[in-house]
Amino acid sequence: MEHNLTYLRQQIDEIDSQIFDLFIKRIYLAKEIGLYKKQHNLPIFDTEREKNKREAISKMVPEEIQPFALKLLETLMNAARLAQEQNNGRS
């Protein structure tokens, strides 16, 4: 059992590494989007975009994990908004 637990945790560690690599890329892209929004006098918060993302994620993941996926999406969107605000001097 212990060997199996170690293996499973190693798998999670590998996935976490991939997730954080993608998270870093996502934040840098969010900052670029924030600069675009600043240059074009657009608000950082885009209600329609976030609504569409929630709907897309809900369709993408199995129903039993939707609450977790939507919480993750909320966290990602909040982090992106914060990065945009800090990058644009709005915080």
Foldseek 3Di string as FASTA:
>chain_A
DVVVVVVVVVVVVVVVVVVVVVLVVLLVVLQVVLVVCVVVVHDSDDVVVLVVVLVVQCVVDDVVCSVVSNVVSVVSSVSSSVSSCVSVVND
